[in-house]
N, C-alpha and C. Protein backbone atom coordinates (compact mmCIF):
# COMPACT_ATOMS: atom_id res chain seq x y z
N MET A 1 -48.15 -34.61 -74.31
CA MET A 1 -48.06 -35.30 -75.52
C MET A 1 -46.90 -36.50 -75.30
N ILE A 2 -47.31 -37.68 -75.70
CA ILE A 2 -46.52 -39.04 -75.48
C ILE A 2 -46.06 -39.47 -76.84
N LYS A 3 -44.80 -39.70 -77.07
CA LYS A 3 -44.21 -40.58 -78.37
C LYS A 3 -44.29 -41.86 -77.78
N VAL A 4 -44.68 -42.76 -78.98
CA VAL A 4 -44.66 -44.08 -78.85
C VAL A 4 -43.94 -44.54 -80.21
N GLN A 5 -42.81 -45.10 -79.87
CA GLN A 5 -42.18 -45.85 -81.06
C GLN A 5 -42.56 -47.12 -81.55
N VAL A 6 -42.84 -47.53 -82.65
CA VAL A 6 -43.54 -48.58 -83.00
C VAL A 6 -42.61 -49.31 -84.02
N SER A 7 -42.04 -50.47 -83.82
CA SER A 7 -41.50 -51.25 -84.79
C SER A 7 -42.50 -52.69 -85.22
N ILE A 8 -42.50 -52.64 -86.49
CA ILE A 8 -43.20 -53.70 -87.10
C ILE A 8 -42.03 -54.71 -87.92
N THR A 9 -42.25 -56.02 -87.69
CA THR A 9 -41.28 -56.80 -88.49
C THR A 9 -42.28 -58.14 -88.76
N LEU A 10 -41.95 -58.76 -89.62
CA LEU A 10 -42.39 -59.97 -90.02
C LEU A 10 -42.31 -61.20 -88.88
N LYS A 11 -43.25 -62.00 -88.71
CA LYS A 11 -43.06 -63.20 -87.61
C LYS A 11 -42.01 -64.09 -88.38
N PRO A 12 -41.22 -64.64 -87.40
CA PRO A 12 -40.38 -65.65 -87.53
C PRO A 12 -41.19 -66.79 -88.49
N GLY A 13 -40.50 -67.23 -89.70
CA GLY A 13 -40.99 -68.05 -90.61
C GLY A 13 -41.53 -67.60 -91.74
N VAL A 14 -41.95 -66.19 -91.80
CA VAL A 14 -42.65 -65.65 -93.09
C VAL A 14 -41.82 -65.30 -93.96
N HIS A 15 -41.81 -65.78 -94.93
CA HIS A 15 -40.83 -65.27 -96.24
C HIS A 15 -40.78 -63.92 -96.59
N ASP A 16 -39.45 -63.19 -96.71
CA ASP A 16 -39.24 -62.00 -96.89
C ASP A 16 -38.31 -61.81 -97.99
N PRO A 17 -38.67 -61.82 -99.11
CA PRO A 17 -37.74 -61.99 -100.23
C PRO A 17 -36.88 -60.37 -100.41
N GLN A 18 -37.61 -59.60 -99.74
CA GLN A 18 -36.76 -58.13 -99.85
C GLN A 18 -35.54 -58.17 -98.90
N ALA A 19 -35.64 -58.95 -97.80
CA ALA A 19 -34.44 -59.19 -97.05
C ALA A 19 -33.54 -60.29 -97.47
N GLU A 20 -34.08 -60.98 -98.30
CA GLU A 20 -33.02 -61.94 -98.67
C GLU A 20 -32.49 -61.28 -99.83
N ALA A 21 -32.96 -60.53 -100.64
CA ALA A 21 -32.35 -59.79 -101.69
C ALA A 21 -31.17 -58.76 -101.17
N VAL A 22 -31.59 -58.21 -100.04
CA VAL A 22 -30.62 -57.17 -99.44
C VAL A 22 -29.60 -57.94 -98.93
N SER A 23 -30.01 -59.01 -98.28
CA SER A 23 -28.90 -59.98 -97.38
C SER A 23 -27.73 -60.41 -98.39
N SER A 24 -28.20 -60.66 -99.80
CA SER A 24 -27.43 -61.29 -100.85
C SER A 24 -26.61 -60.57 -101.31
N ALA A 25 -27.04 -59.37 -101.57
CA ALA A 25 -26.47 -57.93 -102.16
C ALA A 25 -24.92 -57.76 -101.26
N LEU A 26 -25.54 -57.63 -99.96
CA LEU A 26 -24.51 -57.34 -98.89
C LEU A 26 -23.29 -58.55 -98.78
N HIS A 27 -23.96 -59.81 -98.77
CA HIS A 27 -22.64 -60.81 -99.03
C HIS A 27 -21.76 -60.52 -100.40
N ASP A 28 -22.53 -60.41 -101.62
CA ASP A 28 -21.74 -59.96 -102.75
C ASP A 28 -21.00 -58.90 -102.42
N MET A 29 -20.95 -58.00 -101.90
CA MET A 29 -20.24 -56.86 -101.49
C MET A 29 -19.22 -57.14 -100.28
N GLY A 30 -19.28 -58.45 -99.87
CA GLY A 30 -18.07 -58.79 -99.06
C GLY A 30 -18.23 -58.65 -97.56
N PHE A 31 -19.85 -58.56 -97.22
CA PHE A 31 -19.87 -58.70 -95.99
C PHE A 31 -20.17 -60.03 -95.36
N SER A 32 -19.22 -60.83 -95.45
CA SER A 32 -19.74 -62.30 -95.23
C SER A 32 -20.11 -62.55 -94.02
N GLN A 33 -19.86 -61.56 -92.71
CA GLN A 33 -20.10 -62.08 -91.62
C GLN A 33 -21.53 -61.80 -91.34
N LEU A 34 -21.99 -61.26 -92.15
CA LEU A 34 -23.69 -61.10 -91.89
C LEU A 34 -24.50 -62.34 -91.99
N LYS A 35 -24.80 -62.63 -90.74
CA LYS A 35 -25.76 -64.05 -90.51
C LYS A 35 -27.14 -63.87 -90.80
N ASN A 36 -27.66 -62.90 -90.64
CA ASN A 36 -29.45 -62.65 -90.40
C ASN A 36 -29.46 -61.21 -90.78
N LEU A 37 -30.74 -60.99 -91.47
CA LEU A 37 -31.33 -59.66 -91.65
C LEU A 37 -32.73 -59.49 -91.44
N VAL A 38 -33.15 -58.75 -90.79
CA VAL A 38 -34.56 -58.51 -90.51
C VAL A 38 -34.83 -57.07 -91.07
N MET A 39 -35.98 -56.97 -91.94
CA MET A 39 -36.26 -55.68 -92.22
C MET A 39 -37.71 -55.44 -91.56
N GLY A 40 -38.06 -54.19 -91.63
CA GLY A 40 -39.65 -53.78 -91.05
C GLY A 40 -39.76 -52.36 -91.20
N LYS A 41 -40.75 -52.18 -90.31
CA LYS A 41 -41.24 -50.71 -90.61
C LYS A 41 -40.90 -50.09 -89.06
N HIS A 42 -40.46 -48.62 -89.17
CA HIS A 42 -40.57 -48.08 -87.80
C HIS A 42 -41.44 -46.70 -87.86
N MET A 43 -42.02 -46.68 -87.05
CA MET A 43 -42.77 -45.41 -86.90
C MET A 43 -42.88 -44.66 -85.57
N ILE A 44 -42.86 -43.42 -85.34
CA ILE A 44 -43.10 -42.80 -83.88
C ILE A 44 -44.59 -41.94 -84.09
N LEU A 45 -45.50 -42.31 -83.21
CA LEU A 45 -46.78 -41.87 -83.13
C LEU A 45 -46.58 -40.89 -81.93
N GLU A 46 -47.09 -39.39 -82.18
CA GLU A 46 -47.25 -38.67 -81.26
C GLU A 46 -48.77 -38.61 -80.73
N ILE A 47 -49.06 -38.97 -79.29
CA ILE A 47 -50.56 -39.34 -79.00
C ILE A 47 -50.57 -38.08 -77.84
N ASP A 48 -51.78 -37.55 -78.01
CA ASP A 48 -52.31 -36.37 -77.16
C ASP A 48 -52.85 -37.02 -75.93
N SER A 49 -51.98 -37.25 -74.86
CA SER A 49 -52.32 -37.88 -73.65
C SER A 49 -51.07 -37.71 -72.74
N HIS A 50 -51.52 -37.70 -71.65
CA HIS A 50 -50.73 -37.49 -70.34
C HIS A 50 -50.50 -38.85 -69.61
N ASN A 51 -50.89 -39.99 -70.06
CA ASN A 51 -51.09 -41.14 -69.49
C ASN A 51 -50.40 -42.31 -70.34
N GLU A 52 -49.07 -42.73 -69.80
CA GLU A 52 -48.50 -43.70 -70.82
C GLU A 52 -49.18 -45.03 -71.10
N GLU A 53 -49.92 -45.48 -70.27
CA GLU A 53 -50.80 -46.59 -70.41
C GLU A 53 -51.93 -46.57 -71.41
N GLU A 54 -52.45 -45.32 -71.29
CA GLU A 54 -53.55 -44.90 -72.31
C GLU A 54 -52.73 -44.79 -73.70
N ALA A 55 -51.78 -44.00 -73.76
CA ALA A 55 -51.36 -43.93 -75.20
C ALA A 55 -50.71 -45.19 -75.59
N LEU A 56 -50.16 -46.10 -74.74
CA LEU A 56 -49.66 -47.38 -75.12
C LEU A 56 -50.98 -48.11 -75.66
N SER A 57 -51.97 -48.28 -75.32
CA SER A 57 -53.14 -48.84 -75.54
C SER A 57 -53.76 -48.14 -76.73
N GLN A 58 -53.85 -46.98 -77.09
CA GLN A 58 -54.12 -46.54 -78.14
C GLN A 58 -53.26 -46.97 -79.17
N ALA A 59 -52.08 -46.78 -79.17
CA ALA A 59 -51.20 -47.30 -80.14
C ALA A 59 -51.30 -48.97 -80.40
N GLU A 60 -51.51 -49.58 -79.42
CA GLU A 60 -51.51 -50.85 -79.74
C GLU A 60 -52.86 -51.37 -80.78
N THR A 61 -53.87 -50.55 -80.50
CA THR A 61 -55.30 -50.65 -81.05
C THR A 61 -55.02 -50.12 -82.51
N MET A 62 -54.21 -49.11 -82.68
CA MET A 62 -53.87 -48.58 -84.18
C MET A 62 -53.13 -49.55 -84.85
N CYS A 63 -52.20 -50.10 -84.22
CA CYS A 63 -51.36 -51.29 -84.87
C CYS A 63 -52.28 -52.53 -85.08
N LYS A 64 -53.36 -52.95 -84.19
CA LYS A 64 -53.82 -54.06 -84.56
C LYS A 64 -55.14 -53.92 -85.73
N GLU A 65 -55.47 -52.83 -85.91
CA GLU A 65 -56.71 -52.31 -86.59
C GLU A 65 -56.05 -51.74 -88.13
N LEU A 66 -54.87 -51.41 -88.13
CA LEU A 66 -54.40 -50.80 -89.31
C LEU A 66 -53.15 -51.03 -89.73
N LEU A 67 -52.08 -50.47 -88.71
CA LEU A 67 -50.68 -50.30 -88.85
C LEU A 67 -49.97 -51.64 -89.21
N ALA A 68 -50.25 -52.80 -88.44
CA ALA A 68 -49.78 -54.09 -88.84
C ALA A 68 -50.71 -55.03 -89.18
N ASN A 69 -50.22 -56.11 -90.12
CA ASN A 69 -50.96 -57.18 -90.51
C ASN A 69 -50.47 -58.25 -89.50
N THR A 70 -51.48 -58.37 -88.41
CA THR A 70 -51.17 -59.04 -87.25
C THR A 70 -51.02 -60.97 -88.00
N VAL A 71 -51.60 -61.12 -88.90
CA VAL A 71 -51.59 -62.63 -89.24
C VAL A 71 -50.02 -63.00 -89.89
N LEU A 72 -49.40 -61.88 -90.37
CA LEU A 72 -48.01 -62.05 -90.74
C LEU A 72 -46.88 -60.98 -89.97
N GLU A 73 -47.19 -60.06 -89.21
CA GLU A 73 -46.54 -59.24 -88.70
C GLU A 73 -46.51 -59.28 -87.05
N ARG A 74 -45.66 -58.71 -86.65
CA ARG A 74 -45.49 -58.66 -85.09
C ARG A 74 -44.91 -57.27 -84.86
N PHE A 75 -45.45 -56.77 -83.76
CA PHE A 75 -45.12 -55.33 -83.54
C PHE A 75 -44.44 -54.98 -81.85
N VAL A 76 -43.75 -54.02 -81.69
CA VAL A 76 -43.22 -53.84 -80.43
C VAL A 76 -43.43 -52.49 -80.36
N LEU A 77 -44.19 -51.87 -78.95
CA LEU A 77 -44.17 -50.39 -78.65
C LEU A 77 -43.25 -50.23 -77.61
N GLN A 78 -42.89 -48.93 -77.71
CA GLN A 78 -42.07 -48.47 -76.61
C GLN A 78 -42.20 -46.98 -76.57
N VAL A 79 -42.73 -46.45 -75.34
CA VAL A 79 -42.71 -44.97 -75.08
C VAL A 79 -41.26 -44.29 -75.08
N ILE A 80 -41.00 -43.32 -75.86
CA ILE A 80 -39.83 -42.57 -75.93
C ILE A 80 -39.65 -41.22 -75.29
N SER A 81 -40.80 -40.74 -74.86
CA SER A 81 -40.94 -39.45 -73.99
C SER A 81 -41.79 -39.37 -73.25
C-alpha cells in the first residue's frame, strides 16, 4: 500500500474570494505581518500498489480526471509512505 499526498491550490492569478476574506479577517485580528494566504485542498490517497511510479501515475490520473479542475487549479503529488 502506498500513500500519496495530494495538495490542490488555485493557479496564480485565479481570484480566490475565500482566501481574501480569511486574510482580511486575520488582518482585522491584528496579524498585520501576513502578506499572502493560499488556500486549497489536501488529500491522502492510499493506493494498493507496491510500485511508487505506478501509484503516482494513478494519483495523477485521478487528479486530472476528477479531483482537480485543471483549468483553474494545480496539484502537487508526494509519496508519503
